[in-house]
Protein backbone atom coordinates (compact mmCIF):
# COMPACT_ATOMS: atom_id res chain seq x y z
CA UNK A 1 55.78 125.83 306.21
CA UNK A 2 54.99 122.99 308.57
CA UNK A 3 54.55 119.37 307.49
CA UNK A 4 52.07 116.90 308.92
CA UNK A 5 52.01 113.14 308.24
CA UNK A 6 48.64 111.40 308.54
CA UNK A 7 49.15 108.13 310.44
CA UNK A 8 46.20 106.54 308.61
CA UNK A 9 47.23 107.16 305.00
CA UNK A 10 50.91 108.22 305.44
CA UNK A 11 50.31 111.12 303.04
CA UNK A 12 52.22 114.36 303.72
CA UNK A 13 49.88 117.26 304.51
CA UNK A 14 51.17 120.81 304.67
CA UNK A 15 49.97 123.88 306.46
CA UNK A 16 50.98 127.49 305.91
CA UNK A 17 50.73 130.66 307.97
CA UNK A 18 48.78 130.00 311.14
CA UNK A 19 49.63 126.58 312.55
CA UNK A 20 46.95 126.03 315.18
CA UNK A 21 43.53 127.14 316.40
CA UNK A 22 42.26 127.21 320.00
CA UNK A 23 38.77 125.90 320.79
CA UNK A 24 38.41 127.56 324.15
CA UNK A 25 39.63 125.31 326.92
CA UNK A 26 38.67 122.18 324.99
CA UNK A 27 41.62 121.66 322.66
CA UNK A 28 44.34 123.20 320.53
CA UNK A 29 44.10 121.86 316.99
CA UNK A 30 46.73 121.97 314.28
CA UNK A 31 45.68 123.98 311.23
CA UNK A 32 46.35 122.15 307.95
CA UNK A 33 45.27 122.45 304.32
CA UNK A 34 44.27 118.79 304.07
CA UNK A 35 43.57 115.94 306.46
CA UNK A 36 42.61 112.29 306.17
CA UNK A 37 39.42 111.30 307.98
CA UNK A 38 38.01 107.76 307.82
CA UNK A 39 39.91 107.09 304.61
CA UNK A 40 38.66 110.26 302.88
CA UNK A 41 40.82 113.35 302.31
CA UNK A 42 39.24 116.65 303.36
CA UNK A 43 40.60 119.78 301.71
CA UNK A 44 40.39 123.39 302.87
CA UNK A 45 39.30 124.37 299.33
CA UNK A 46 36.17 122.23 299.67
CA UNK A 47 36.79 120.36 296.41
CA UNK A 48 37.26 116.64 295.80
CA UNK A 49 40.57 116.75 293.90
CA UNK A 50 42.75 115.50 296.77
CA UNK A 51 40.16 112.87 297.76
CA UNK A 52 39.90 111.51 294.21
CA UNK A 53 43.68 111.29 293.84
CA UNK A 54 43.99 109.46 297.16
CA UNK A 55 41.21 106.99 296.31
CA UNK A 56 42.70 106.27 292.88
CA UNK A 57 46.01 105.42 294.54
CA UNK A 58 44.16 103.21 296.99
CA UNK A 59 42.28 101.54 294.14
CA UNK A 60 45.51 100.76 292.30
CA UNK A 61 46.98 99.32 295.49
CA UNK A 62 43.99 97.01 295.88
CA UNK A 63 44.06 96.12 292.16
CA UNK A 64 47.72 95.08 292.29
CA UNK A 65 47.02 92.89 295.30
CA UNK A 66 44.36 91.06 293.28
CA UNK A 67 46.20 90.98 289.93
CA UNK A 68 46.82 87.20 290.12
CA UNK A 69 43.04 86.68 290.22
CA UNK A 70 41.89 89.58 288.04
CA UNK A 71 44.14 88.51 285.17
CA UNK A 72 43.84 84.74 285.61
CA UNK A 73 42.53 83.26 282.36
CA UNK A 74 41.18 80.23 284.21
CA UNK A 75 38.65 82.59 285.83
CA UNK A 76 35.83 83.86 283.62
CA UNK A 77 35.65 87.55 282.75
CA UNK A 78 32.30 87.84 284.48
CA UNK A 79 33.72 86.56 287.78
CA UNK A 80 36.69 88.87 287.41
CA UNK A 81 34.29 91.76 286.86
CA UNK A 82 32.39 90.89 290.04
CA UNK A 83 35.63 90.76 292.01
CA UNK A 84 36.69 94.12 290.57
CA UNK A 85 33.35 95.73 291.45
CA UNK A 86 33.31 94.31 294.98
CA UNK A 87 36.90 95.10 295.95
CA UNK A 88 38.60 97.58 293.62
CA UNK A 89 35.80 99.90 292.51
CA UNK A 90 34.33 100.07 296.01
CA UNK A 91 37.75 101.05 297.30
CA UNK A 92 38.10 103.78 294.66
CA UNK A 93 34.67 105.25 295.44
CA UNK A 94 34.91 105.11 299.24
CA UNK A 95 33.60 108.43 300.56
CA UNK A 96 32.29 109.52 297.15
CA UNK A 97 28.81 110.05 298.63
CA UNK A 98 29.88 113.54 299.75
CA UNK A 99 32.23 114.53 296.92
CA UNK A 100 31.44 117.70 294.94
CA UNK A 101 32.44 115.90 291.74
CA UNK A 102 33.67 117.98 288.80
CA UNK A 103 34.34 116.91 285.23
CA UNK A 104 38.10 116.68 285.90
CA UNK A 105 37.44 114.22 288.73
CA UNK A 106 35.25 112.06 286.51
CA UNK A 107 37.93 111.99 283.80
CA UNK A 108 40.60 110.91 286.32
CA UNK A 109 38.42 108.09 287.66
CA UNK A 110 37.41 107.00 284.17
CA UNK A 111 41.02 106.90 282.97
CA UNK A 112 42.15 104.80 285.94
CA UNK A 113 39.19 102.43 285.58
CA UNK A 114 39.76 101.82 281.86
CA UNK A 115 43.44 101.03 282.44
CA UNK A 116 42.37 98.39 284.93
CA UNK A 117 39.67 97.04 282.60
CA UNK A 118 42.09 96.72 279.68
CA UNK A 119 44.57 94.95 281.96
CA UNK A 120 41.92 92.46 283.08
CA UNK A 121 40.79 91.82 279.49
CA UNK A 122 44.38 91.66 278.18
CA UNK A 123 43.57 94.39 275.66
CA UNK A 124 45.85 97.28 274.72
CA UNK A 125 44.90 100.78 273.64
CA UNK A 126 46.21 100.17 270.12
CA UNK A 127 43.70 97.31 269.74
CA UNK A 128 41.01 100.04 269.64
CA UNK A 129 38.33 97.98 271.38
CA UNK A 130 35.46 100.25 272.55
CA UNK A 131 35.20 100.81 276.30
CA UNK A 132 31.55 99.78 276.26
CA UNK A 133 32.42 96.41 274.77
CA UNK A 134 35.07 95.77 277.44
CA UNK A 135 32.62 96.65 280.20
CA UNK A 136 30.08 94.27 278.70
CA UNK A 137 32.64 91.47 278.71
CA UNK A 138 33.16 91.99 282.43
CA UNK A 139 29.50 92.83 283.13
CA UNK A 140 30.43 95.99 285.05
CA UNK A 141 28.78 99.41 284.95
CA UNK A 142 30.37 102.71 284.06
CA UNK A 143 32.02 104.26 287.11
CA UNK A 144 30.66 107.66 286.06
CA UNK A 145 27.12 106.30 286.49
CA UNK A 146 27.91 104.83 289.89
CA UNK A 147 29.09 108.20 291.28
CA UNK A 148 25.66 109.93 291.21
CA UNK A 149 24.06 106.77 292.58
CA UNK A 150 26.30 106.95 295.66
CA UNK A 151 25.66 110.68 296.06
CA UNK A 152 21.88 110.33 295.75
CA UNK A 153 21.80 107.39 298.17
CA UNK A 154 23.39 109.58 300.86
CA UNK A 155 21.24 112.59 299.85
CA UNK A 156 18.10 110.54 300.36
CA UNK A 157 19.40 109.31 303.72
CA UNK A 158 19.87 112.92 304.87
CA UNK A 159 16.42 114.00 303.61
CA UNK A 160 14.76 111.21 305.61
CA UNK A 161 16.24 112.45 308.88
CA UNK A 162 13.77 113.19 311.66
CA UNK A 163 12.85 116.81 312.40
CA UNK A 164 14.52 116.45 315.80
CA UNK A 165 17.83 115.45 314.23
CA UNK A 166 20.61 118.08 314.38
CA UNK A 167 20.75 118.18 310.56
CA UNK A 168 17.20 119.55 310.42
CA UNK A 169 17.28 121.77 313.50
CA UNK A 170 16.78 125.44 312.69
CA UNK A 171 19.86 127.59 312.96
CA UNK A 172 19.60 131.24 311.89
CA UNK A 173 16.32 130.41 310.07
CA UNK A 174 18.02 127.72 307.97
CA UNK A 175 18.63 124.05 308.61
CA UNK A 176 22.07 122.52 308.12
CA UNK A 177 21.29 121.49 304.53
CA UNK A 178 20.11 124.92 303.39
CA UNK A 179 22.37 127.11 305.51
CA UNK A 180 24.09 129.94 303.66
CA UNK A 181 27.18 131.65 305.06
CA UNK A 182 26.60 135.37 305.49
CA UNK A 183 28.91 137.98 304.02
CA UNK A 184 30.25 138.93 300.62
CA UNK A 185 32.18 136.58 298.35
CA UNK A 186 34.77 137.38 295.67
CA UNK A 187 33.65 138.06 292.11
CA UNK A 188 33.91 134.71 290.41
CA UNK A 189 31.90 131.60 289.74
CA UNK A 190 30.74 130.01 293.04
CA UNK A 191 32.53 126.84 294.11
CA UNK A 192 30.86 123.59 293.07
CA UNK A 193 29.31 122.02 296.16
CA UNK A 194 27.96 118.62 297.12
CA UNK A 195 24.47 120.05 297.50
CA UNK A 196 24.61 121.48 293.97
CA UNK A 197 25.88 118.14 292.69
CA UNK A 198 23.02 116.25 294.38
CA UNK A 199 20.40 118.67 293.07
CA UNK A 200 21.79 118.41 289.55
CA UNK A 201 21.58 114.61 289.70
CA UNK A 202 17.99 114.89 290.94
CA UNK A 203 17.06 117.15 288.04
CA UNK A 204 18.71 114.76 285.58
CA UNK A 205 16.67 111.82 286.91
CA UNK A 206 13.54 113.94 287.54
CA UNK A 207 13.51 113.20 291.27
CA UNK A 208 12.23 115.33 294.15
CA UNK A 209 12.35 115.33 297.94
CA UNK A 210 9.04 113.50 298.23
CA UNK A 211 10.49 110.55 296.31
CA UNK A 212 13.26 110.22 298.91
CA UNK A 213 10.75 109.60 301.71
CA UNK A 214 10.13 106.09 300.34
CA UNK A 215 13.37 104.29 301.13
CA UNK A 216 12.74 101.25 298.95
CA UNK A 217 11.38 103.29 296.06
CA UNK A 218 14.30 105.71 296.24
CA UNK A 219 16.80 102.84 295.96
CA UNK A 220 15.08 101.66 292.80
CA UNK A 221 14.92 105.15 291.29
CA UNK A 222 18.63 105.86 291.74
CA UNK A 223 19.85 102.40 290.81
CA UNK A 224 22.27 102.25 287.87
CA UNK A 225 20.62 100.58 284.89
């Protein structure tokens, strides 16, 4: 087993078996199970588990840097909520536009967010104050509602690409968005994908591809209430 340390996030990434792959005469790339790219963690399994864990750690790091302000009683709860949304929550959801989010990922993000919210409001779990009430005090939305908004924003951006763009160029009778890998797959439930996640969110909000063509209208349709 070979270890690899990402210089950007300093997280250990391991690879097993084959250690490299040749791309002709262009380059020889190290083969790993995970890698950090632009702050997001890409996994060979195609899921978002590693990315969510990394972003939660990053969110806690940012939260602790801002603790003197986020817990300062001389600052109103509303201002603290705005600071949290602008700095901490944005840090936690960086790269979430392309995550194939599963229920376990939502629970992990929700748990981390509520710990931060209770800390900012100086409320403990035993006080049994409803989460909705705490969010209303800070005037912040539910992080679970922000996730599909981010995904749909990027989905609409991709749908509005020009026909000449590489995303929409035909390749084996399918464009990049609709391309299906040929061959048989093991007998089990298919892996949850970003495309499936985006389509599910569209069905939930009764949206279609035609709606995405209007940039301004699409922003209003996907906006968190």
